[in-house]
């Protein structure tokens, strides 16, 4: 199934924008194995998004600390 392959690639590349676009077009699955594979990929995508969110928060905090240091 092309949708699953597209999601696999987006997850491997950790491409948040593509993951979001692909997830928004979730198809109906006729095969339970395809549905389970999609579920596992979506769970992995969620982990990636959470990790990127934490990474962004850390960067923002470092910027705030640097700004505070430079203005003191």
C-alpha atoms as a PDB file:
ATOM      1  CA  UNK A   1       0.000   0.000   0.000  1.00  0.00           C
ATOM      2  CA  UNK A   2       1.470   3.322  -1.104  1.00  0.00           C
ATOM      3  CA  UNK A   3       0.143   5.228   1.920  1.00  0.00           C
ATOM      4  CA  UNK A   4       2.047   2.956   4.319  1.00  0.00           C
ATOM      5  CA  UNK A   5       5.231   3.246   2.259  1.00  0.00           C
ATOM      6  CA  UNK A   6       4.927   7.043   2.213  1.00  0.00           C
ATOM      7  CA  UNK A   7       4.467   7.081   5.984  1.00  0.00           C
ATOM      8  CA  UNK A   8       7.442   4.740   6.480  1.00  0.00           C
ATOM      9  CA  UNK A   9       9.646   7.097   4.495  1.00  0.00           C
ATOM     10  CA  UNK A  10       8.419  10.148   6.389  1.00  0.00           C
ATOM     11  CA  UNK A  11       9.039   8.413   9.733  1.00  0.00           C
ATOM     12  CA  UNK A  12      12.520   7.268   8.721  1.00  0.00           C
ATOM     13  CA  UNK A  13      13.366  10.786   7.538  1.00  0.00           C
ATOM     14  CA  UNK A  14      11.695  12.276  10.640  1.00  0.00           C
ATOM     15  CA  UNK A  15       9.877  14.665   8.300  1.00  0.00           C
ATOM     16  CA  UNK A  16       7.203  16.154  10.571  1.00  0.00           C
ATOM     17  CA  UNK A  17       5.446  18.108   7.814  1.00  0.00           C
ATOM     18  CA  UNK A  18       5.171  15.056   5.586  1.00  0.00           C
ATOM     19  CA  UNK A  19       4.053  12.853   8.495  1.00  0.00           C
ATOM     20  CA  UNK A  20       1.263  15.327   9.225  1.00  0.00           C
ATOM     21  CA  UNK A  21       0.166  15.504   5.601  1.00  0.00           C
ATOM     22  CA  UNK A  22       0.166  11.736   5.217  1.00  0.00           C
ATOM     23  CA  UNK A  23      -1.608  11.137   8.536  1.00  0.00           C
ATOM     24  CA  UNK A  24      -4.339  13.590   7.518  1.00  0.00           C
ATOM     25  CA  UNK A  25      -5.153  11.375   4.542  1.00  0.00           C
ATOM     26  CA  UNK A  26      -5.575   8.139   6.513  1.00  0.00           C
ATOM     27  CA  UNK A  27      -7.238   5.563   4.251  1.00  0.00           C
ATOM     28  CA  UNK A  28      -9.657   2.820   5.234  1.00  0.00           C
ATOM     29  CA  UNK A  29      -7.824  -0.457   5.594  1.00  0.00           C
ATOM     30  CA  UNK A  30      -9.249  -3.691   4.248  1.00  0.00           C
ATOM     31  CA  UNK A  31      -6.496  -5.834   5.751  1.00  0.00           C
ATOM     32  CA  UNK A  32      -5.961  -6.022   9.516  1.00  0.00           C
ATOM     33  CA  UNK A  33      -2.206  -6.385   9.033  1.00  0.00           C
ATOM     34  CA  UNK A  34      -2.057  -3.123   7.094  1.00  0.00           C
ATOM     35  CA  UNK A  35      -4.060  -1.426   9.849  1.00  0.00           C
ATOM     36  CA  UNK A  36      -1.696  -2.763  12.517  1.00  0.00           C
ATOM     37  CA  UNK A  37       1.338  -1.638  10.537  1.00  0.00           C
ATOM     38  CA  UNK A  38      -0.199   1.810  10.115  1.00  0.00           C
ATOM     39  CA  UNK A  39      -0.903   1.963  13.849  1.00  0.00           C
ATOM     40  CA  UNK A  40       2.711   1.099  14.663  1.00  0.00           C
ATOM     41  CA  UNK A  41       3.981   3.714  12.221  1.00  0.00           C
ATOM     42  CA  UNK A  42       1.667   6.352  13.648  1.00  0.00           C
ATOM     43  CA  UNK A  43       2.845   5.515  17.178  1.00  0.00           C
ATOM     44  CA  UNK A  44       6.438   5.919  16.026  1.00  0.00           C
ATOM     45  CA  UNK A  45       5.526   9.204  14.328  1.00  0.00           C
ATOM     46  CA  UNK A  46       4.031  10.449  17.604  1.00  0.00           C
ATOM     47  CA  UNK A  47       7.305   9.623  19.390  1.00  0.00           C
ATOM     48  CA  UNK A  48       9.230  11.578  16.768  1.00  0.00           C
ATOM     49  CA  UNK A  49       6.934  14.592  17.072  1.00  0.00           C
ATOM     50  CA  UNK A  50       7.242  14.557  20.875  1.00  0.00           C
ATOM     51  CA  UNK A  51      11.022  14.298  20.612  1.00  0.00           C
ATOM     52  CA  UNK A  52      11.208  17.208  18.161  1.00  0.00           C
ATOM     53  CA  UNK A  53       8.910  19.229  20.429  1.00  0.00           C
ATOM     54  CA  UNK A  54      11.207  18.627  23.427  1.00  0.00           C
ATOM     55  CA  UNK A  55      14.243  19.475  21.313  1.00  0.00           C
ATOM     56  CA  UNK A  56      12.627  22.735  20.220  1.00  0.00           C
ATOM     57  CA  UNK A  57      11.734  23.589  23.814  1.00  0.00           C
ATOM     58  CA  UNK A  58      15.333  22.987  24.906  1.00  0.00           C
ATOM     59  CA  UNK A  59      16.618  25.245  22.142  1.00  0.00           C
ATOM     60  CA  UNK A  60      14.124  27.954  23.091  1.00  0.00           C
ATOM     61  CA  UNK A  61      15.218  27.758  26.734  1.00  0.00           C
ATOM     62  CA  UNK A  62      18.883  28.042  25.746  1.00  0.00           C
ATOM     63  CA  UNK A  63      18.064  31.092  23.624  1.00  0.00           C
ATOM     64  CA  UNK A  64      16.208  32.678  26.552  1.00  0.00           C
ATOM     65  CA  UNK A  65      19.158  32.008  28.858  1.00  0.00           C
ATOM     66  CA  UNK A  66      21.598  33.478  26.344  1.00  0.00           C
ATOM     67  CA  UNK A  67      19.400  36.523  25.853  1.00  0.00           C
ATOM     68  CA  UNK A  68      19.113  37.024  29.615  1.00  0.00           C
ATOM     69  CA  UNK A  69      22.886  36.719  29.970  1.00  0.00           C
ATOM     70  CA  UNK A  70      23.567  39.180  27.178  1.00  0.00           C
ATOM     71  CA  UNK A  71      21.130  41.769  28.499  1.00  0.00           C
ATOM     72  CA  UNK A  72      22.368  41.575  32.092  1.00  0.00           C
END
